[in-house]
């Protein structure tokens, strides 16, 4: 069985089985990679001054000017 055939066969499986295969492969390759972060982990990534500066530059970037 070629890789393409295997992928097609996996895509034809029901969603719960595809998820189990994905989780197995993910944890087999990197056991600690997919651990979820606790609630609120990303809440304070930036302070307000950095956010304001970033927003100022984003509002004046090429995409904002062309829009």
N, C-alpha and C. Protein backbone atom coordinates (compact mmCIF):
# COMPACT_ATOMS: atom_id res chain seq x y z
N UNK A 1 0.86 -1.18 0.00
CA UNK A 1 0.00 0.00 0.00
C UNK A 1 0.90 1.23 0.00
N UNK A 2 0.62 2.14 -0.90
CA UNK A 2 1.41 3.36 -0.97
C UNK A 2 0.94 4.35 0.10
N UNK A 3 1.72 5.38 0.31
CA UNK A 3 1.37 6.40 1.30
C UNK A 3 0.08 7.11 0.88
N UNK A 4 -0.07 7.38 -0.39
CA UNK A 4 -1.27 8.05 -0.88
C UNK A 4 -2.52 7.21 -0.61
N UNK A 5 -2.43 5.92 -0.85
CA UNK A 5 -3.55 5.03 -0.58
C UNK A 5 -3.88 4.98 0.91
N UNK A 6 -2.85 4.96 1.74
CA UNK A 6 -3.06 4.94 3.18
C UNK A 6 -3.73 6.22 3.66
N UNK A 7 -3.30 7.36 3.13
CA UNK A 7 -3.91 8.64 3.50
C UNK A 7 -5.37 8.67 3.07
N UNK A 8 -5.66 8.21 1.87
CA UNK A 8 -7.05 8.16 1.40
C UNK A 8 -7.91 7.26 2.27
N UNK A 9 -7.33 6.14 2.70
CA UNK A 9 -8.08 5.21 3.55
C UNK A 9 -8.35 5.85 4.92
N UNK A 10 -7.38 6.55 5.45
CA UNK A 10 -7.56 7.24 6.74
C UNK A 10 -8.61 8.34 6.61
N UNK A 11 -8.60 9.07 5.51
CA UNK A 11 -9.58 10.14 5.30
C UNK A 11 -11.01 9.61 5.19
N UNK A 12 -11.16 8.37 4.80
CA UNK A 12 -12.49 7.77 4.67
C UNK A 12 -13.02 7.21 5.98
N UNK A 13 -12.20 7.21 7.03
CA UNK A 13 -12.64 6.70 8.34
C UNK A 13 -13.57 7.71 9.01
N UNK A 14 -14.39 7.25 9.94
CA UNK A 14 -15.21 8.19 10.72
C UNK A 14 -14.33 9.14 11.53
N UNK A 15 -14.85 10.31 11.82
CA UNK A 15 -14.08 11.36 12.49
C UNK A 15 -13.44 10.92 13.81
N UNK A 16 -14.15 10.20 14.70
CA UNK A 16 -13.50 9.80 15.96
C UNK A 16 -12.27 8.92 15.76
N UNK A 17 -12.33 8.04 14.77
CA UNK A 17 -11.18 7.18 14.50
C UNK A 17 -10.02 7.97 13.91
N UNK A 18 -10.32 8.94 13.04
CA UNK A 18 -9.26 9.80 12.50
C UNK A 18 -8.58 10.58 13.62
N UNK A 19 -9.38 11.08 14.58
CA UNK A 19 -8.82 11.83 15.71
C UNK A 19 -7.90 10.95 16.55
N UNK A 20 -8.31 9.71 16.79
CA UNK A 20 -7.46 8.80 17.58
C UNK A 20 -6.15 8.52 16.86
N UNK A 21 -6.20 8.35 15.55
CA UNK A 21 -4.96 8.13 14.78
C UNK A 21 -4.07 9.36 14.87
N UNK A 22 -4.66 10.54 14.70
CA UNK A 22 -3.89 11.78 14.78
C UNK A 22 -3.22 11.93 16.14
N UNK A 23 -3.98 11.69 17.22
CA UNK A 23 -3.42 11.80 18.57
C UNK A 23 -2.29 10.79 18.78
N UNK A 24 -2.48 9.57 18.30
CA UNK A 24 -1.45 8.55 18.45
C UNK A 24 -0.17 8.97 17.75
N UNK A 25 -0.29 9.42 16.50
CA UNK A 25 0.89 9.82 15.74
C UNK A 25 1.55 11.04 16.38
N UNK A 26 0.75 12.00 16.79
CA UNK A 26 1.29 13.22 17.40
C UNK A 26 2.07 12.90 18.66
N UNK A 27 1.51 12.08 19.54
CA UNK A 27 2.19 11.76 20.80
C UNK A 27 3.34 10.78 20.59
N UNK A 28 3.28 9.98 19.56
CA UNK A 28 4.38 9.07 19.28
C UNK A 28 5.61 9.83 18.82
N UNK A 29 5.40 10.93 18.09
CA UNK A 29 6.53 11.69 17.58
C UNK A 29 7.07 12.68 18.62
N UNK A 30 6.18 13.34 19.34
CA UNK A 30 6.58 14.33 20.34
C UNK A 30 5.67 14.19 21.55
N UNK A 31 6.04 13.37 22.51
CA UNK A 31 5.14 13.07 23.62
C UNK A 31 4.69 14.28 24.43
N UNK A 32 5.52 15.29 24.59
CA UNK A 32 5.16 16.43 25.42
C UNK A 32 4.71 17.64 24.61
N UNK A 33 4.58 17.49 23.30
CA UNK A 33 4.36 18.64 22.44
C UNK A 33 2.94 19.17 22.49
N UNK A 34 1.96 18.32 22.65
CA UNK A 34 0.57 18.74 22.50
C UNK A 34 -0.18 18.92 23.81
N UNK A 35 0.53 19.11 24.90
CA UNK A 35 -0.17 19.30 26.17
C UNK A 35 -0.83 20.68 26.18
N UNK A 36 -2.11 20.74 26.49
CA UNK A 36 -2.79 22.04 26.50
C UNK A 36 -2.31 22.92 27.66
N UNK A 37 -2.33 24.22 27.41
CA UNK A 37 -1.95 25.18 28.45
C UNK A 37 -3.14 25.43 29.36
N UNK A 38 -2.89 25.78 30.62
CA UNK A 38 -4.01 26.04 31.54
C UNK A 38 -4.79 27.28 31.13
N UNK A 39 -6.02 27.37 31.60
CA UNK A 39 -6.88 28.52 31.29
C UNK A 39 -6.19 29.80 31.74
N UNK A 40 -6.22 30.82 30.89
CA UNK A 40 -5.61 32.11 31.21
C UNK A 40 -4.12 32.17 30.97
N UNK A 41 -3.52 31.15 30.40
CA UNK A 41 -2.07 31.10 30.21
C UNK A 41 -1.59 32.25 29.32
N UNK A 42 -2.36 32.57 28.27
CA UNK A 42 -1.94 33.60 27.33
C UNK A 42 -2.56 34.96 27.64
N UNK A 43 -3.24 35.10 28.74
CA UNK A 43 -3.98 36.33 29.04
C UNK A 43 -3.07 37.55 29.17
N UNK A 44 -1.91 37.42 29.75
CA UNK A 44 -1.04 38.56 30.01
C UNK A 44 0.26 38.48 29.21
N UNK A 45 0.16 38.11 27.94
CA UNK A 45 1.36 37.97 27.12
C UNK A 45 2.05 39.31 26.89
N UNK A 46 1.28 40.36 26.72
CA UNK A 46 1.85 41.67 26.42
C UNK A 46 1.31 42.70 27.40
N UNK A 47 2.15 43.65 27.74
CA UNK A 47 1.62 44.73 28.56
C UNK A 47 0.95 45.75 27.66
N UNK A 48 0.23 46.68 28.22
CA UNK A 48 -0.59 47.61 27.42
C UNK A 48 0.26 48.53 26.55
N UNK A 49 1.46 48.92 27.02
CA UNK A 49 2.31 49.79 26.20
C UNK A 49 2.78 49.08 24.95
N UNK A 50 3.19 47.83 25.08
CA UNK A 50 3.63 47.07 23.91
C UNK A 50 2.48 46.84 22.94
N UNK A 51 1.31 46.57 23.45
CA UNK A 51 0.13 46.37 22.60
C UNK A 51 -0.22 47.64 21.86
N UNK A 52 -0.19 48.76 22.54
CA UNK A 52 -0.51 50.04 21.90
C UNK A 52 0.50 50.35 20.80
N UNK A 53 1.77 50.11 21.06
CA UNK A 53 2.80 50.36 20.05
C UNK A 53 2.63 49.44 18.85
N UNK A 54 2.36 48.16 19.11
CA UNK A 54 2.16 47.20 18.04
C UNK A 54 0.94 47.59 17.19
N UNK A 55 -0.13 47.99 17.83
CA UNK A 55 -1.33 48.42 17.11
C UNK A 55 -1.07 49.68 16.29
N UNK A 56 -0.27 50.58 16.82
CA UNK A 56 0.07 51.81 16.10
C UNK A 56 0.79 51.47 14.80
N UNK A 57 1.80 50.57 14.90
CA UNK A 57 2.53 50.17 13.70
C UNK A 57 1.65 49.39 12.73
N UNK A 58 0.79 48.54 13.25
CA UNK A 58 -0.10 47.75 12.38
C UNK A 58 -1.07 48.65 11.62
N UNK A 59 -1.54 49.71 12.26
CA UNK A 59 -2.48 50.62 11.61
C UNK A 59 -1.81 51.43 10.51
N UNK A 60 -0.50 51.52 10.52
CA UNK A 60 0.23 52.29 9.52
C UNK A 60 1.05 51.42 8.58
N UNK A 61 0.82 50.10 8.61
CA UNK A 61 1.54 49.17 7.76
C UNK A 61 1.03 49.21 6.34
N UNK A 62 1.73 48.56 5.41
CA UNK A 62 1.34 48.55 4.00
C UNK A 62 -0.08 48.02 3.77
N UNK A 63 -0.48 46.97 4.46
CA UNK A 63 -1.81 46.43 4.25
C UNK A 63 -2.89 47.42 4.70
N UNK A 64 -2.65 48.13 5.81
CA UNK A 64 -3.63 49.09 6.29
C UNK A 64 -3.71 50.28 5.35
N UNK A 65 -2.59 50.67 4.79
CA UNK A 65 -2.58 51.83 3.89
C UNK A 65 -3.29 51.50 2.58
N UNK A 66 -3.08 50.30 2.05
CA UNK A 66 -3.69 49.91 0.78
C UNK A 66 -5.18 49.63 0.91
N UNK A 67 -5.63 49.28 2.09
CA UNK A 67 -7.04 48.93 2.26
C UNK A 67 -7.95 50.12 2.18
